[in-house]
Amino acid sequence: MPEFLEVFYPFDKAPTDPAVSQPFLAKLAEQEAELEFSSFNASDALALGLAILAESPKAKTPDAPGVRAVVVHVSINGNLQFYSAQDGTNADNYGWIQRKVNTVTRFGRASIFMGSSCMAGGKDFNVKFLLPETEYVGVGGGFPLRVKGVAYPVGVVAVSGLPHQMDHELVTKGIKKYLESKK
């Protein structure tokens, strides 16, 4: 399990426990605020997509049996800029990507934040917002691309293929690595 999730979301406790959910939601909101770009264009989308792929478990240990493959999606204002599906992914991953992208696009928040905030309130994400499960999902892996000074996300990055908490961690780790490389 990703390190920050172990600290903020211990899975041996109920996700509706305020002692668990509030620090976790605060950490997610902090990530969204910290992981902002000074600008973002098609070249950045390509570099970000490649940075995320480089951090994927399959890229780091390609010959290890049982290592999960991922799909990475980066779009700007609804226009697909980068898409890569590692060997071992399938059409289900594409479906998960689409639902995560739809969630981030609609709400402007990370898909895991939307699902977790609903769980913290004792509600199911899709039920609360009357959204079809075939089009929207409140799990980890979708993240808004924000540019400093712009009030709304300019795009979406999404990953599918790992357990959803690890999809989220892979996205945020890739964004951090990319932002560090731009300094």
N, C-alpha and C. Protein backbone atom coordinates (compact mmCIF):
# COMPACT_ATOMS: atom_id res chain seq x y z
N MET A 1 0.85 -1.18 0.00
CA MET A 1 0.00 0.00 0.00
C MET A 1 0.89 1.24 0.00
N PRO A 2 0.52 2.29 -0.73
CA PRO A 2 1.31 3.52 -0.75
C PRO A 2 1.47 4.10 0.65
N GLU A 3 2.65 4.67 0.88
CA GLU A 3 2.98 5.15 2.23
C GLU A 3 1.99 6.17 2.77
N PHE A 4 1.63 7.18 1.97
CA PHE A 4 0.74 8.20 2.52
C PHE A 4 -0.64 7.63 2.81
N LEU A 5 -1.05 6.61 2.07
CA LEU A 5 -2.34 5.99 2.34
C LEU A 5 -2.33 5.21 3.65
N GLU A 6 -1.20 4.57 3.97
CA GLU A 6 -1.11 3.84 5.24
C GLU A 6 -1.29 4.79 6.42
N VAL A 7 -0.75 5.98 6.28
CA VAL A 7 -0.82 6.95 7.37
C VAL A 7 -2.22 7.56 7.48
N PHE A 8 -2.79 7.94 6.34
CA PHE A 8 -4.02 8.70 6.37
C PHE A 8 -5.28 7.88 6.15
N TYR A 9 -5.14 6.64 5.72
CA TYR A 9 -6.33 5.85 5.43
C TYR A 9 -6.07 4.40 5.80
N PRO A 10 -5.95 4.13 7.10
CA PRO A 10 -5.73 2.75 7.50
C PRO A 10 -6.97 1.91 7.20
N PHE A 11 -6.82 0.90 6.36
CA PHE A 11 -7.97 0.15 5.88
C PHE A 11 -8.56 -0.81 6.90
N ASP A 12 -7.96 -0.87 8.10
CA ASP A 12 -8.57 -1.69 9.14
C ASP A 12 -9.65 -0.91 9.88
N LYS A 13 -9.83 0.36 9.54
CA LYS A 13 -10.87 1.19 10.14
C LYS A 13 -11.88 1.56 9.07
N ALA A 14 -13.07 1.91 9.51
CA ALA A 14 -14.13 2.30 8.58
C ALA A 14 -13.78 3.61 7.90
N PRO A 15 -13.98 3.72 6.56
CA PRO A 15 -13.66 4.95 5.86
C PRO A 15 -14.54 6.12 6.29
N THR A 16 -15.64 5.85 6.98
CA THR A 16 -16.49 6.94 7.44
C THR A 16 -16.04 7.48 8.80
N ASP A 17 -15.04 6.88 9.41
CA ASP A 17 -14.50 7.35 10.68
C ASP A 17 -13.86 8.72 10.46
N PRO A 18 -14.39 9.80 11.07
CA PRO A 18 -13.84 11.14 10.84
C PRO A 18 -12.35 11.25 11.17
N ALA A 19 -11.88 10.47 12.10
CA ALA A 19 -10.46 10.50 12.45
C ALA A 19 -9.61 9.98 11.30
N VAL A 20 -10.19 9.16 10.45
CA VAL A 20 -9.48 8.62 9.30
C VAL A 20 -9.72 9.50 8.08
N SER A 21 -10.98 9.79 7.79
CA SER A 21 -11.32 10.44 6.54
C SER A 21 -10.86 11.89 6.46
N GLN A 22 -10.97 12.65 7.54
CA GLN A 22 -10.61 14.07 7.46
C GLN A 22 -9.13 14.30 7.16
N PRO A 23 -8.20 13.61 7.85
CA PRO A 23 -6.79 13.78 7.47
C PRO A 23 -6.50 13.31 6.05
N PHE A 24 -7.15 12.24 5.64
CA PHE A 24 -6.96 11.72 4.29
C PHE A 24 -7.45 12.72 3.24
N LEU A 25 -8.63 13.26 3.44
CA LEU A 25 -9.17 14.25 2.51
C LEU A 25 -8.32 15.51 2.49
N ALA A 26 -7.82 15.92 3.65
CA ALA A 26 -6.94 17.10 3.72
C ALA A 26 -5.66 16.85 2.94
N LYS A 27 -5.10 15.65 3.05
CA LYS A 27 -3.89 15.31 2.31
C LYS A 27 -4.15 15.33 0.81
N LEU A 28 -5.28 14.81 0.39
CA LEU A 28 -5.62 14.83 -1.03
C LEU A 28 -5.77 16.26 -1.54
N ALA A 29 -6.44 17.11 -0.78
CA ALA A 29 -6.61 18.51 -1.18
C ALA A 29 -5.26 19.21 -1.25
N GLU A 30 -4.38 18.88 -0.31
CA GLU A 30 -3.03 19.46 -0.30
C GLU A 30 -2.26 19.04 -1.56
N GLN A 31 -2.39 17.78 -1.94
CA GLN A 31 -1.73 17.32 -3.17
C GLN A 31 -2.22 18.11 -4.38
N GLU A 32 -3.52 18.29 -4.47
CA GLU A 32 -4.06 19.03 -5.61
C GLU A 32 -3.52 20.45 -5.66
N ALA A 33 -3.39 21.07 -4.50
CA ALA A 33 -2.88 22.45 -4.44
C ALA A 33 -1.38 22.52 -4.76
N GLU A 34 -0.63 21.55 -4.32
CA GLU A 34 0.82 21.55 -4.52
C GLU A 34 1.24 21.17 -5.93
N LEU A 35 0.50 20.29 -6.55
CA LEU A 35 0.92 19.75 -7.86
C LEU A 35 0.35 20.59 -9.00
N GLU A 36 0.79 21.84 -9.04
CA GLU A 36 0.36 22.78 -10.08
C GLU A 36 1.52 23.05 -11.03
N PHE A 37 1.18 23.35 -12.25
CA PHE A 37 2.17 23.65 -13.29
C PHE A 37 2.22 25.16 -13.52
N SER A 38 3.35 25.66 -13.99
CA SER A 38 3.42 27.08 -14.35
C SER A 38 2.72 27.30 -15.70
N SER A 39 2.76 26.28 -16.55
CA SER A 39 2.02 26.26 -17.82
C SER A 39 1.89 24.78 -18.19
N PHE A 40 1.03 24.49 -19.15
CA PHE A 40 0.86 23.10 -19.56
C PHE A 40 0.41 23.05 -21.01
N ASN A 41 1.21 22.37 -21.85
CA ASN A 41 0.88 22.26 -23.27
C ASN A 41 1.11 20.82 -23.73
N ALA A 42 1.01 20.59 -25.03
CA ALA A 42 1.13 19.24 -25.58
C ALA A 42 2.50 18.63 -25.29
N SER A 43 3.54 19.42 -25.32
CA SER A 43 4.89 18.90 -24.99
C SER A 43 4.95 18.45 -23.54
N ASP A 44 4.32 19.22 -22.67
CA ASP A 44 4.27 18.84 -21.25
C ASP A 44 3.48 17.56 -21.07
N ALA A 45 2.39 17.42 -21.82
CA ALA A 45 1.56 16.21 -21.72
C ALA A 45 2.36 14.97 -22.10
N LEU A 46 3.14 15.07 -23.16
CA LEU A 46 3.98 13.95 -23.58
C LEU A 46 5.01 13.62 -22.51
N ALA A 47 5.70 14.63 -22.02
CA ALA A 47 6.74 14.42 -21.00
C ALA A 47 6.13 13.86 -19.72
N LEU A 48 4.96 14.36 -19.33
CA LEU A 48 4.31 13.86 -18.12
C LEU A 48 3.89 12.40 -18.30
N GLY A 49 3.30 12.09 -19.42
CA GLY A 49 2.90 10.71 -19.68
C GLY A 49 4.08 9.76 -19.62
N LEU A 50 5.19 10.16 -20.22
CA LEU A 50 6.40 9.33 -20.20
C LEU A 50 6.97 9.21 -18.79
N ALA A 51 6.90 10.29 -18.00
CA ALA A 51 7.38 10.26 -16.62
C ALA A 51 6.57 9.28 -15.78
N ILE A 52 5.27 9.27 -15.99
CA ILE A 52 4.41 8.34 -15.25
C ILE A 52 4.71 6.91 -15.67
N LEU A 53 4.85 6.67 -16.96
CA LEU A 53 5.19 5.32 -17.42
C LEU A 53 6.53 4.85 -16.84
N ALA A 54 7.49 5.76 -16.74
CA ALA A 54 8.80 5.40 -16.20
C ALA A 54 8.72 5.00 -14.73
N GLU A 55 7.72 5.51 -14.02
CA GLU A 55 7.55 5.18 -12.60
C GLU A 55 6.69 3.94 -12.39
N SER A 56 6.09 3.43 -13.44
CA SER A 56 5.18 2.29 -13.29
C SER A 56 5.94 1.04 -12.88
N PRO A 57 5.30 0.17 -12.12
CA PRO A 57 5.96 -1.07 -11.69
C PRO A 57 6.47 -1.91 -12.86
N LYS A 58 5.73 -1.94 -13.96
CA LYS A 58 6.13 -2.76 -15.11
C LYS A 58 7.40 -2.19 -15.75
N ALA A 59 7.55 -0.87 -15.76
CA ALA A 59 8.75 -0.26 -16.33
C ALA A 59 9.97 -0.53 -15.45
N LYS A 60 9.74 -0.59 -14.15
CA LYS A 60 10.86 -0.79 -13.23
C LYS A 60 11.27 -2.26 -13.13
N THR A 61 10.32 -3.18 -13.25
CA THR A 61 10.61 -4.61 -13.16
C THR A 61 9.84 -5.34 -14.25
N PRO A 62 10.21 -5.15 -15.51
CA PRO A 62 9.40 -5.68 -16.61
C PRO A 62 9.34 -7.20 -16.68
N ASP A 63 10.32 -7.89 -16.13
CA ASP A 63 10.34 -9.35 -16.25
C ASP A 63 9.79 -10.07 -15.02
N ALA A 64 9.38 -9.33 -14.01
CA ALA A 64 8.88 -9.96 -12.79
C ALA A 64 7.48 -10.51 -13.03
N PRO A 65 7.27 -11.78 -12.69
CA PRO A 65 5.93 -12.34 -12.87
C PRO A 65 4.91 -11.65 -11.97
N GLY A 66 3.74 -11.42 -12.51
CA GLY A 66 2.67 -10.82 -11.72
C GLY A 66 2.72 -9.31 -11.61
N VAL A 67 3.71 -8.67 -12.21
CA VAL A 67 3.79 -7.21 -12.15
C VAL A 67 2.69 -6.63 -13.04
N ARG A 68 1.94 -5.70 -12.49
CA ARG A 68 0.78 -5.15 -13.18
C ARG A 68 1.17 -4.08 -14.19
N ALA A 69 0.52 -4.10 -15.32
CA ALA A 69 0.72 -3.10 -16.37
C ALA A 69 -0.31 -1.99 -16.21
N VAL A 70 0.00 -0.81 -16.77
CA VAL A 70 -0.90 0.33 -16.64
C VAL A 70 -1.19 0.97 -17.99
N VAL A 71 -2.27 1.71 -18.00
CA VAL A 71 -2.64 2.60 -19.09
C VAL A 71 -2.51 4.01 -18.54
N VAL A 72 -1.92 4.91 -19.33
CA VAL A 72 -1.77 6.32 -18.93
C VAL A 72 -2.45 7.19 -19.97
N HIS A 73 -3.24 8.14 -19.49
CA HIS A 73 -4.01 9.07 -20.33
C HIS A 73 -3.70 10.48 -19.85
N VAL A 74 -3.40 11.38 -20.79
CA VAL A 74 -3.24 12.81 -20.47
C VAL A 74 -4.00 13.59 -21.52
N SER A 75 -4.92 14.45 -21.07
CA SER A 75 -5.68 15.28 -22.00
C SER A 75 -5.66 16.73 -21.54
N ILE A 76 -5.81 17.62 -22.51
CA ILE A 76 -5.90 19.07 -22.24
C ILE A 76 -7.22 19.54 -22.82
N ASN A 77 -8.04 20.13 -21.98
CA ASN A 77 -9.35 20.65 -22.41
C ASN A 77 -10.12 19.64 -23.26
N GLY A 78 -10.11 18.39 -22.83
CA GLY A 78 -10.87 17.35 -23.51
C GLY A 78 -10.18 16.75 -24.73
N ASN A 79 -9.02 17.28 -25.11
CA ASN A 79 -8.29 16.76 -26.27
C ASN A 79 -7.19 15.81 -25.79
N LEU A 80 -7.26 14.58 -26.25
CA LEU A 80 -6.27 13.58 -25.86
C LEU A 80 -4.90 13.97 -26.39
N GLN A 81 -3.93 14.05 -25.49
CA GLN A 81 -2.57 14.44 -25.87
C GLN A 81 -1.59 13.27 -25.75
N PHE A 82 -1.87 12.35 -24.82
CA PHE A 82 -0.98 11.22 -24.60
C PHE A 82 -1.83 10.04 -24.14
N TYR A 83 -1.54 8.87 -24.72
CA TYR A 83 -2.22 7.65 -24.30
C TYR A 83 -1.26 6.50 -24.56
N SER A 84 -1.01 5.71 -23.53
CA SER A 84 -0.16 4.55 -23.69
C SER A 84 -0.70 3.41 -22.85
N ALA A 85 -0.78 2.25 -23.46
CA ALA A 85 -1.23 1.04 -22.76
C ALA A 85 -0.09 0.03 -22.80
N GLN A 86 0.46 -0.28 -21.64
CA GLN A 86 1.54 -1.25 -21.59
C GLN A 86 1.02 -2.64 -21.94
N ASP A 87 1.92 -3.50 -22.42
CA ASP A 87 1.55 -4.89 -22.66
C ASP A 87 0.98 -5.47 -21.37
N GLY A 88 -0.15 -6.15 -21.49
CA GLY A 88 -0.79 -6.74 -20.32
C GLY A 88 -2.04 -6.00 -19.89
N THR A 89 -2.32 -4.84 -20.50
CA THR A 89 -3.56 -4.13 -20.20
C THR A 89 -4.63 -4.61 -21.19
N ASN A 90 -5.87 -4.18 -20.96
CA ASN A 90 -6.96 -4.60 -21.83
C ASN A 90 -8.04 -3.52 -21.90
N ALA A 91 -9.12 -3.84 -22.56
CA ALA A 91 -10.20 -2.87 -22.76
C ALA A 91 -10.83 -2.42 -21.44
N ASP A 92 -10.78 -3.25 -20.43
CA ASP A 92 -11.31 -2.84 -19.12
C ASP A 92 -10.56 -1.63 -18.59
N ASN A 93 -9.24 -1.60 -18.80
CA ASN A 93 -8.46 -0.46 -18.34
C ASN A 93 -8.92 0.82 -19.04
N TYR A 94 -9.21 0.72 -20.33
CA TYR A 94 -9.71 1.88 -21.06
C TYR A 94 -11.02 2.38 -20.44
N GLY A 95 -11.90 1.46 -20.07
CA GLY A 95 -13.16 1.84 -19.43
C GLY A 95 -12.94 2.56 -18.11
N TRP A 96 -12.02 2.04 -17.32
CA TRP A 96 -11.71 2.69 -16.04
C TRP A 96 -11.14 4.09 -16.28
N ILE A 97 -10.26 4.22 -17.26
CA ILE A 97 -9.69 5.54 -17.59
C ILE A 97 -10.81 6.51 -17.92
N GLN A 98 -11.71 6.11 -18.79
CA GLN A 98 -12.79 7.01 -19.21
C GLN A 98 -13.64 7.47 -18.02
N ARG A 99 -13.96 6.55 -17.12
CA ARG A 99 -14.79 6.91 -15.96
C ARG A 99 -14.05 7.85 -15.02
N LYS A 100 -12.76 7.62 -14.83
CA LYS A 100 -11.96 8.52 -13.98
C LYS A 100 -11.84 9.90 -14.61
N VAL A 101 -11.59 9.94 -15.92
CA VAL A 101 -11.50 11.22 -16.63
C VAL A 101 -12.83 11.96 -16.54
N ASN A 102 -13.94 11.28 -16.74
CA ASN A 102 -15.26 11.92 -16.65
C ASN A 102 -15.47 12.54 -15.27
N THR A 103 -15.07 11.82 -14.23
CA THR A 103 -15.25 12.32 -12.86
C THR A 103 -14.42 13.58 -12.63
N VAL A 104 -13.15 13.54 -13.02
CA VAL A 104 -12.28 14.71 -12.82
C VAL A 104 -12.77 15.89 -13.65
N THR A 105 -13.17 15.63 -14.88
CA THR A 105 -13.65 16.70 -15.76
C THR A 105 -14.91 17.35 -15.19
N ARG A 106 -15.81 16.55 -14.68
CA ARG A 106 -17.08 17.09 -14.15
C ARG A 106 -16.88 17.88 -12.86
N PHE A 107 -16.04 17.36 -11.95
CA PHE A 107 -15.93 17.97 -10.62
C PHE A 107 -14.67 18.80 -10.41
N GLY A 108 -13.68 18.65 -11.27
CA GLY A 108 -12.45 19.42 -11.12
C GLY A 108 -11.60 18.97 -9.94
N ARG A 109 -11.85 17.79 -9.43
CA ARG A 109 -11.13 17.24 -8.28
C ARG A 109 -10.62 15.85 -8.64
N ALA A 110 -9.65 15.37 -7.86
CA ALA A 110 -9.14 14.02 -8.06
C ALA A 110 -10.27 13.02 -7.85
N SER A 111 -10.27 11.98 -8.65
CA SER A 111 -11.34 11.00 -8.56
C SER A 111 -11.37 10.32 -7.19
N ILE A 112 -10.22 10.09 -6.59
CA ILE A 112 -10.19 9.49 -5.25
C ILE A 112 -10.75 10.45 -4.20
N PHE A 113 -10.55 11.75 -4.39
CA PHE A 113 -11.12 12.73 -3.47
C PHE A 113 -12.64 12.68 -3.53
N MET A 114 -13.18 12.61 -4.72
CA MET A 114 -14.64 12.59 -4.85
C MET A 114 -15.24 11.36 -4.18
N GLY A 115 -14.67 10.20 -4.44
CA GLY A 115 -15.19 8.97 -3.83
C GLY A 115 -15.01 8.95 -2.33
N SER A 116 -13.84 9.38 -1.87
CA SER A 116 -13.54 9.36 -0.43
C SER A 116 -14.38 10.37 0.33
N SER A 117 -14.62 11.54 -0.26
CA SER A 117 -15.43 12.53 0.44
C SER A 117 -16.87 12.05 0.58
N CYS A 118 -17.35 11.33 -0.41
CA CYS A 118 -18.70 10.76 -0.30
C CYS A 118 -18.74 9.68 0.76
N MET A 119 -17.74 8.79 0.76
CA MET A 119 -17.68 7.73 1.78
C MET A 119 -17.60 8.32 3.18
N ALA A 120 -16.84 9.40 3.33
CA ALA A 120 -16.72 10.03 4.64
C ALA A 120 -18.07 10.53 5.14
N GLY A 121 -18.94 10.88 4.21
CA GLY A 121 -20.29 11.31 4.57
C GLY A 121 -21.30 10.18 4.57
N GLY A 122 -20.81 8.96 4.42
CA GLY A 122 -21.70 7.80 4.46
C GLY A 122 -22.51 7.59 3.19
N LYS A 123 -22.06 8.17 2.08
CA LYS A 123 -22.79 8.06 0.82
C LYS A 123 -21.94 7.36 -0.23
N ASP A 124 -22.61 6.74 -1.18
CA ASP A 124 -21.96 6.19 -2.35
C ASP A 124 -21.83 7.32 -3.37
N PHE A 125 -20.67 7.45 -3.99
CA PHE A 125 -20.40 8.53 -4.95
C PHE A 125 -21.46 8.59 -6.05
N ASN A 126 -21.69 7.47 -6.73
CA ASN A 126 -22.63 7.47 -7.85
C ASN A 126 -24.06 7.73 -7.41
N VAL A 127 -24.44 7.23 -6.24
CA VAL A 127 -25.79 7.47 -5.72
C VAL A 127 -25.97 8.93 -5.34
N LYS A 128 -24.98 9.49 -4.64
CA LYS A 128 -25.09 10.88 -4.19
C LYS A 128 -25.30 11.84 -5.34
N PHE A 129 -24.56 11.64 -6.44
CA PHE A 129 -24.64 12.58 -7.56
C PHE A 129 -25.52 12.08 -8.71
N LEU A 130 -26.21 10.95 -8.50
CA LEU A 130 -27.10 10.39 -9.51
C LEU A 130 -26.38 10.17 -10.84
N LEU A 131 -25.18 9.59 -10.74
CA LEU A 131 -24.36 9.36 -11.92
C LEU A 131 -24.30 7.87 -12.25
N PRO A 132 -24.36 7.53 -13.53
CA PRO A 132 -24.28 6.11 -13.90
C PRO A 132 -22.87 5.56 -13.65
N GLU A 133 -22.81 4.37 -13.05
CA GLU A 133 -21.53 3.73 -12.75
C GLU A 133 -20.75 3.40 -14.02
N THR A 134 -21.42 3.30 -15.13
CA THR A 134 -20.75 3.01 -16.39
C THR A 134 -20.01 4.21 -16.96
N GLU A 135 -20.25 5.41 -16.39
CA GLU A 135 -19.63 6.62 -16.91
C GLU A 135 -18.78 7.38 -15.91
N TYR A 136 -18.99 7.17 -14.61
CA TYR A 136 -18.28 7.91 -13.56
C TYR A 136 -17.87 6.95 -12.45
N VAL A 137 -16.73 7.25 -11.83
CA VAL A 137 -16.25 6.43 -10.72
C VAL A 137 -15.48 7.30 -9.73
N GLY A 138 -15.65 7.01 -8.45
CA GLY A 138 -14.98 7.75 -7.40
C GLY A 138 -13.86 6.95 -6.76
N VAL A 139 -12.89 6.54 -7.56
CA VAL A 139 -11.73 5.79 -7.07
C VAL A 139 -10.46 6.48 -7.54
N GLY A 140 -9.33 6.04 -7.03
CA GLY A 140 -8.06 6.68 -7.36
C GLY A 140 -7.59 6.43 -8.78
N GLY A 141 -6.86 7.41 -9.29
CA GLY A 141 -6.24 7.28 -10.60
C GLY A 141 -6.49 8.44 -11.53
N GLY A 142 -7.50 9.27 -11.27
CA GLY A 142 -7.77 10.45 -12.08
C GLY A 142 -7.36 11.70 -11.30
N PHE A 143 -6.65 12.61 -11.95
CA PHE A 143 -6.14 13.79 -11.25
C PHE A 143 -6.24 15.02 -12.15
N PRO A 144 -6.68 16.16 -11.59
CA PRO A 144 -6.80 17.38 -12.40
C PRO A 144 -5.43 18.00 -12.68
N LEU A 145 -5.25 18.51 -13.88
CA LEU A 145 -4.04 19.24 -14.25
C LEU A 145 -4.34 20.72 -14.06
N ARG A 146 -3.66 21.31 -13.11
CA ARG A 146 -3.90 22.72 -12.77
C ARG A 146 -2.69 23.56 -13.15
N VAL A 147 -2.99 24.77 -13.63
CA VAL A 147 -1.96 25.75 -13.94
C VAL A 147 -2.13 26.91 -12.96
N LYS A 148 -1.02 27.35 -12.38
CA LYS A 148 -1.08 28.47 -11.42
C LYS A 148 -1.76 29.67 -12.06
N GLY A 149 -2.70 30.24 -11.31
CA GLY A 149 -3.41 31.42 -11.78
C GLY A 149 -4.65 31.12 -12.61
N VAL A 150 -4.88 29.87 -12.96
CA VAL A 150 -6.07 29.49 -13.72
C VAL A 150 -7.05 28.84 -12.74
N ALA A 151 -8.28 29.31 -12.73
CA ALA A 151 -9.26 28.91 -11.72
C ALA A 151 -9.76 27.48 -11.87
N TYR A 152 -9.61 26.90 -13.02
CA TYR A 152 -10.17 25.57 -13.27
C TYR A 152 -9.07 24.67 -13.84
N PRO A 153 -9.22 23.37 -13.72
CA PRO A 153 -8.22 22.48 -14.31
C PRO A 153 -8.18 22.63 -15.84
N VAL A 154 -6.99 22.55 -16.40
CA VAL A 154 -6.84 22.66 -17.85
C VAL A 154 -6.84 21.29 -18.52
N GLY A 155 -6.79 20.25 -17.70
CA GLY A 155 -6.76 18.91 -18.26
C GLY A 155 -6.87 17.86 -17.19
N VAL A 156 -6.65 16.61 -17.62
CA VAL A 156 -6.77 15.46 -16.73
C VAL A 156 -5.65 14.48 -17.05
N VAL A 157 -5.10 13.89 -16.01
CA VAL A 157 -4.21 12.76 -16.15
C VAL A 157 -4.86 11.59 -15.42
N ALA A 158 -4.81 10.41 -16.02
CA ALA A 158 -5.44 9.25 -15.39
C ALA A 158 -4.60 8.00 -15.65
N VAL A 159 -4.63 7.10 -14.67
CA VAL A 159 -3.92 5.82 -14.75
C VAL A 159 -4.90 4.72 -14.35
N SER A 160 -4.77 3.57 -15.01
CA SER A 160 -5.54 2.38 -14.66
C SER A 160 -4.66 1.16 -14.81
N GLY A 161 -4.84 0.21 -13.92
CA GLY A 161 -4.13 -1.06 -14.02
C GLY A 161 -3.69 -1.61 -12.68
N LEU A 162 -3.50 -0.73 -11.71
CA LEU A 162 -3.09 -1.12 -10.37
C LEU A 162 -4.30 -1.00 -9.44
N PRO A 163 -4.20 -1.46 -8.19
CA PRO A 163 -5.26 -1.13 -7.24
C PRO A 163 -5.43 0.40 -7.21
N HIS A 164 -6.65 0.86 -7.07
CA HIS A 164 -6.92 2.29 -7.29
C HIS A 164 -6.08 3.23 -6.44
N GLN A 165 -5.74 2.85 -5.22
CA GLN A 165 -4.90 3.72 -4.39
C GLN A 165 -3.51 3.85 -5.00
N MET A 166 -3.03 2.76 -5.59
CA MET A 166 -1.71 2.80 -6.22
C MET A 166 -1.76 3.55 -7.55
N ASP A 167 -2.89 3.49 -8.26
CA ASP A 167 -3.06 4.33 -9.46
C ASP A 167 -2.89 5.79 -9.07
N HIS A 168 -3.53 6.20 -7.98
CA HIS A 168 -3.43 7.59 -7.52
C HIS A 168 -1.98 7.93 -7.18
N GLU A 169 -1.32 7.04 -6.45
CA GLU A 169 0.07 7.32 -6.08
C GLU A 169 0.97 7.42 -7.30
N LEU A 170 0.75 6.57 -8.29
CA LEU A 170 1.57 6.62 -9.51
C LEU A 170 1.38 7.95 -10.23
N VAL A 171 0.16 8.43 -10.31
CA VAL A 171 -0.10 9.73 -10.94
C VAL A 171 0.61 10.85 -10.19
N THR A 172 0.44 10.90 -8.88
CA THR A 172 1.03 12.00 -8.13
C THR A 172 2.56 11.92 -8.12
N LYS A 173 3.08 10.72 -8.05
CA LYS A 173 4.54 10.54 -8.10
C LYS A 173 5.08 11.01 -9.45
N GLY A 174 4.40 10.65 -10.53
CA GLY A 174 4.82 11.08 -11.86
C GLY A 174 4.78 12.59 -12.02
N ILE A 175 3.72 13.22 -11.51
CA ILE A 175 3.62 14.69 -11.59
C ILE A 175 4.76 15.32 -10.79
N LYS A 176 5.01 14.82 -9.58
CA LYS A 176 6.10 15.38 -8.76
C LYS A 176 7.43 15.27 -9.48
N LYS A 177 7.72 14.10 -10.05
CA LYS A 177 8.99 13.90 -10.76
C LYS A 177 9.09 14.87 -11.94
N TYR A 178 7.99 15.03 -12.67
CA TYR A 178 8.01 15.92 -13.81
C TYR A 178 8.24 17.37 -13.37
N LEU A 179 7.52 17.80 -12.34
CA LEU A 179 7.69 19.17 -11.84
C LEU A 179 9.11 19.42 -11.34
N GLU A 180 9.68 18.43 -10.67
CA GLU A 180 11.07 18.56 -10.20
C GLU A 180 12.04 18.68 -11.37
N SER A 181 11.78 17.98 -12.46
CA SER A 181 12.67 18.05 -13.62
C SER A 181 12.61 19.40 -14.32
N LYS A 182 11.56 20.16 -14.10
CA LYS A 182 11.39 21.48 -14.73
C LYS A 182 12.07 22.60 -13.95
N LYS A 183 12.55 22.29 -12.75
CA LYS A 183 13.16 23.33 -11.90
C LYS A 183 14.55 23.68 -12.39
